Protein backbone atom coordinates (compact mmCIF):
# COMPACT_ATOMS: atom_id res chain seq x y z
CA MET A 1 0.00 -0.05 0.00
CA ILE A 2 1.28 3.61 -0.84
CA ILE A 3 0.76 5.96 1.58
CA ASN A 4 -0.85 9.44 0.12
CA SER A 5 1.03 12.45 -0.71
CA PHE A 6 1.63 14.76 1.84
CA PRO A 7 -0.95 17.83 0.73
CA LYS A 8 -3.39 14.94 0.48
CA ILE A 9 -3.00 13.93 4.04
CA VAL A 10 -2.74 17.34 5.35
CA LYS A 11 -6.07 18.46 3.53
CA GLY A 12 -7.67 15.32 5.02
CA ILE A 13 -6.61 16.21 8.55
CA LEU A 14 -7.43 20.07 8.50
CA GLN A 15 -10.60 19.21 7.05
CA GLY A 16 -12.21 18.47 10.30
CA LEU A 17 -10.93 21.41 12.22
CA PRO A 18 -13.64 23.98 12.74
CA ARG A 19 -12.84 27.45 11.10
CA ASN A 20 -15.46 29.57 13.35
CA ASP A 21 -14.55 28.01 16.96
CA TYR A 22 -12.78 31.14 18.17
CA PRO A 23 -13.03 34.57 17.12
CA VAL A 24 -9.81 35.54 16.53
CA LEU A 25 -7.32 32.14 15.93
CA ASN A 26 -10.06 29.36 15.37
CA SER A 27 -8.38 25.80 15.78
CA ARG A 28 -7.29 25.12 11.52
CA LEU A 29 -5.67 28.22 11.29
CA PHE A 30 -3.93 27.38 14.86
CA PHE A 31 -2.84 24.28 13.79
CA GLU A 32 -1.86 25.18 10.33
CA CYS A 33 0.69 27.76 12.44
CA TRP A 34 2.37 24.99 13.92
CA LEU A 35 2.29 22.63 11.11
CA SER A 36 4.19 25.45 9.01
CA TYR A 37 6.53 26.03 12.12
CA ALA A 38 7.56 22.53 12.44
CA LEU A 39 7.67 21.74 8.76
CA ASP A 40 9.14 24.66 6.89
CA ASN A 41 13.01 24.75 7.21
CA SER A 42 13.33 28.40 6.48
CA LEU A 43 11.35 29.68 9.43
CA THR A 44 13.57 30.44 11.94
CA SER A 45 11.17 31.74 14.85
CA MET A 46 7.95 31.93 15.57
CA ARG A 47 8.30 35.52 15.03
CA ASP A 48 9.38 34.59 11.25
CA LEU A 49 6.02 32.57 11.19
CA PHE A 50 3.97 35.48 12.09
CA LYS A 51 5.36 37.96 9.86
CA ARG A 52 4.97 35.51 7.07
CA LEU A 53 1.18 35.32 8.33
CA ASN A 54 0.85 38.49 7.96
CA ASN A 55 1.96 39.54 5.09
CA THR A 56 -0.33 37.40 3.85
CA GLY A 57 -3.65 38.93 5.69
CA PHE A 58 -3.62 36.82 8.85
CA GLU A 59 -3.51 39.57 11.72
CA VAL A 60 -1.91 37.29 14.44
CA ASP A 61 0.98 38.05 16.64
CA ILE A 62 2.54 36.20 19.41
CA SER A 63 0.84 37.24 22.03
CA THR A 64 -2.43 36.04 20.36
CA PHE A 65 -0.81 32.53 20.04
CA SER A 66 0.13 32.10 23.37
CA LYS A 67 -2.95 32.99 24.80
CA ALA A 68 -4.51 30.51 22.54
CA SER A 69 -2.09 27.59 23.20
CA SER A 70 -2.83 28.24 26.81
CA HIS A 71 -6.48 28.22 26.15
CA ARG A 72 -7.02 25.74 23.94
CA SER A 73 -8.46 21.71 23.93
CA GLN A 74 -5.75 19.45 23.53
CA LYS A 75 -8.37 16.97 21.96
CA PRO A 76 -7.98 17.61 18.37
CA PHE A 77 -4.19 17.28 18.15
CA GLN A 78 -4.83 14.11 19.95
CA GLU A 79 -6.90 12.71 17.46
CA ILE A 80 -4.55 14.36 14.35
CA TYR A 81 -1.80 12.25 16.37
CA HIS A 82 -3.89 9.05 15.95
CA LYS A 83 -5.05 9.83 12.33
CA LEU A 84 -1.56 10.16 11.26
CA ASN A 85 -0.84 6.89 13.38
CA GLU A 86 -3.24 4.74 11.80
CA LEU A 87 -2.06 5.80 8.71
CA ILE A 88 1.48 4.93 9.51
CA GLN A 89 0.33 1.42 10.78
CA LYS A 90 -1.66 0.87 7.33
CA LYS A 91 1.42 0.86 5.53
CA GLU A 92 3.86 -2.33 4.77
CA HIS A 93 6.38 -1.93 7.38
CA LYS A 94 10.45 -3.38 6.52
CA LYS A 95 11.69 -5.77 9.72
CA LEU A 96 14.91 -7.37 10.22
CA HIS A 97 15.39 -10.37 8.11
CA ASP A 98 11.22 -10.09 7.50
CA LYS A 99 10.49 -11.26 10.86
CA TYR A 100 11.42 -8.52 13.70
CA ALA A 101 10.63 -5.25 14.38
CA ILE A 102 13.86 -3.38 15.85
CA CYS A 103 12.56 -0.87 19.11
CA PRO A 104 15.81 0.96 20.58
CA ILE A 105 14.50 2.19 24.17
CA ASP A 106 16.29 5.00 25.97
CA SER A 107 15.22 7.58 28.86
CA THR A 108 16.31 11.31 29.13
CA ILE A 109 16.17 13.86 31.74
CA ILE A 110 13.97 16.51 31.19
CA THR A 111 15.99 19.49 32.97
CA LEU A 112 13.57 22.21 32.54
CA THR A 113 10.32 20.57 33.45
CA SER A 114 12.65 18.80 36.46
CA LYS A 115 13.48 22.99 37.20
CA LEU A 116 9.77 23.97 37.06
CA LEU A 117 8.79 21.54 39.30
CA TRP A 118 11.79 21.37 41.78
CA ILE A 119 9.64 23.31 44.55
CA LEU A 120 7.00 20.35 44.15
CA GLY A 121 9.71 18.37 45.30
CA HIS A 122 10.13 16.27 42.19
CA HIS A 123 13.75 16.95 41.82
CA GLN A 124 14.21 14.99 38.52
CA VAL A 125 12.20 14.13 35.67
CA LYS A 126 12.87 11.33 33.34
CA LEU A 127 11.63 10.39 30.37
CA PHE A 128 11.32 6.83 28.44
CA SER A 129 10.58 6.02 25.32
CA SER A 130 10.63 3.59 22.85
CA LEU A 131 10.59 3.60 19.32
CA ASN A 132 9.60 0.98 16.59
CA LEU A 133 11.96 1.30 13.73
CA ALA A 134 9.82 -0.63 10.95
CA THR A 135 6.64 1.38 11.42
CA GLY A 136 8.36 4.52 12.53
CA SER A 137 5.77 5.40 15.41
CA PRO A 138 6.60 5.35 19.43
CA GLU A 139 5.93 1.98 21.05
CA ASP A 140 5.96 3.40 24.49
CA ASN A 141 6.47 6.39 26.68
CA PHE A 142 6.14 7.49 29.83
CA ILE A 143 7.29 9.94 32.55
CA ASN A 144 8.73 8.86 35.81
CA PHE A 145 8.69 11.58 38.58
CA GLY A 146 12.22 10.99 41.00
CA HIS A 147 15.61 9.21 40.76
CA ASN A 148 14.91 6.06 39.74
CA HIS A 149 17.74 4.11 37.79
CA ASP A 150 16.80 2.97 34.38
CA TYR A 151 17.04 -0.76 35.42
CA ASN A 152 13.91 -0.14 37.22
CA PHE A 153 11.57 0.40 33.93
CA GLY A 154 13.24 -1.87 31.38
CA ALA A 155 10.75 -4.68 32.32
CA LYS A 156 7.93 -2.28 31.74
CA MET A 157 8.98 -0.59 28.43
CA MET A 158 9.69 -4.33 27.03
CA SER A 159 6.31 -5.90 27.91
CA ASN A 160 4.68 -3.30 25.83
CA LEU A 161 6.77 -3.90 22.57
CA PRO A 162 5.07 -5.52 19.92
CA THR A 163 5.60 -9.80 20.16
CA ASP A 164 7.41 -9.67 17.23
CA ALA A 165 9.92 -6.70 18.48
CA VAL A 166 13.42 -6.91 19.45
CA SER A 167 14.34 -4.36 21.80
CA VAL A 168 17.67 -2.50 22.14
CA MET A 169 19.00 -0.10 24.79
CA ASP A 170 22.36 1.06 26.57
CA ARG A 171 23.53 -0.88 29.74
CA GLY A 172 21.64 1.91 31.80
CA PHE A 173 18.57 -1.08 31.59
CA ALA A 174 20.80 -3.86 32.38
CA LEU A 175 19.40 -5.92 35.21
CA LEU A 176 20.00 -10.02 34.85
CA LYS A 177 17.02 -11.00 36.22
CA ILE A 178 14.66 -9.68 33.42
CA TYR A 179 16.17 -11.03 30.63
CA PRO A 180 15.12 -14.62 30.85
CA ARG A 181 11.88 -13.82 30.81
CA PHE A 182 11.63 -11.56 27.11
CA SER A 183 14.48 -13.82 25.49
CA THR A 184 13.28 -16.55 23.35
CA ARG A 185 15.30 -19.17 21.74
CA LYS A 186 14.75 -20.67 18.26
């Protein structure tokens, strides 16, 4: 199966967004702004994006966009994410030896969030993530608040992988007692 062309995908996704739900910055224009910023390499800042929008007749400034971002529902963005993920899942995926999906697992400390949540007693915030390289989509993501070592989450991350997956991780996840549960010999 061939995935649709990019403009066709974007048009299909944007058609479900309302054009009149907010007086200044409707949901469709709001999403178009984010999409333009994310995909246009010639834009180096949000200010560049607003200059371009203003030159084409859309009167939007950073404060309007910022206010819209803080009050807007996340539901349409979640629905768009799920639609895109469904399109990816329909595609035929390349697997290792036509059998296995490679799924790297890693973690990273989110420093800015850690500083913001310090006062609440969360001195470290860590994101754990797994990506299915065959499909190009995330398999599992979660956030841990606290100072726990990666090996405490290795079993959780591997248990959510597809049955045909091979996980690849660094030695931070190494805890020998969990490996027999997830290894298969043929």
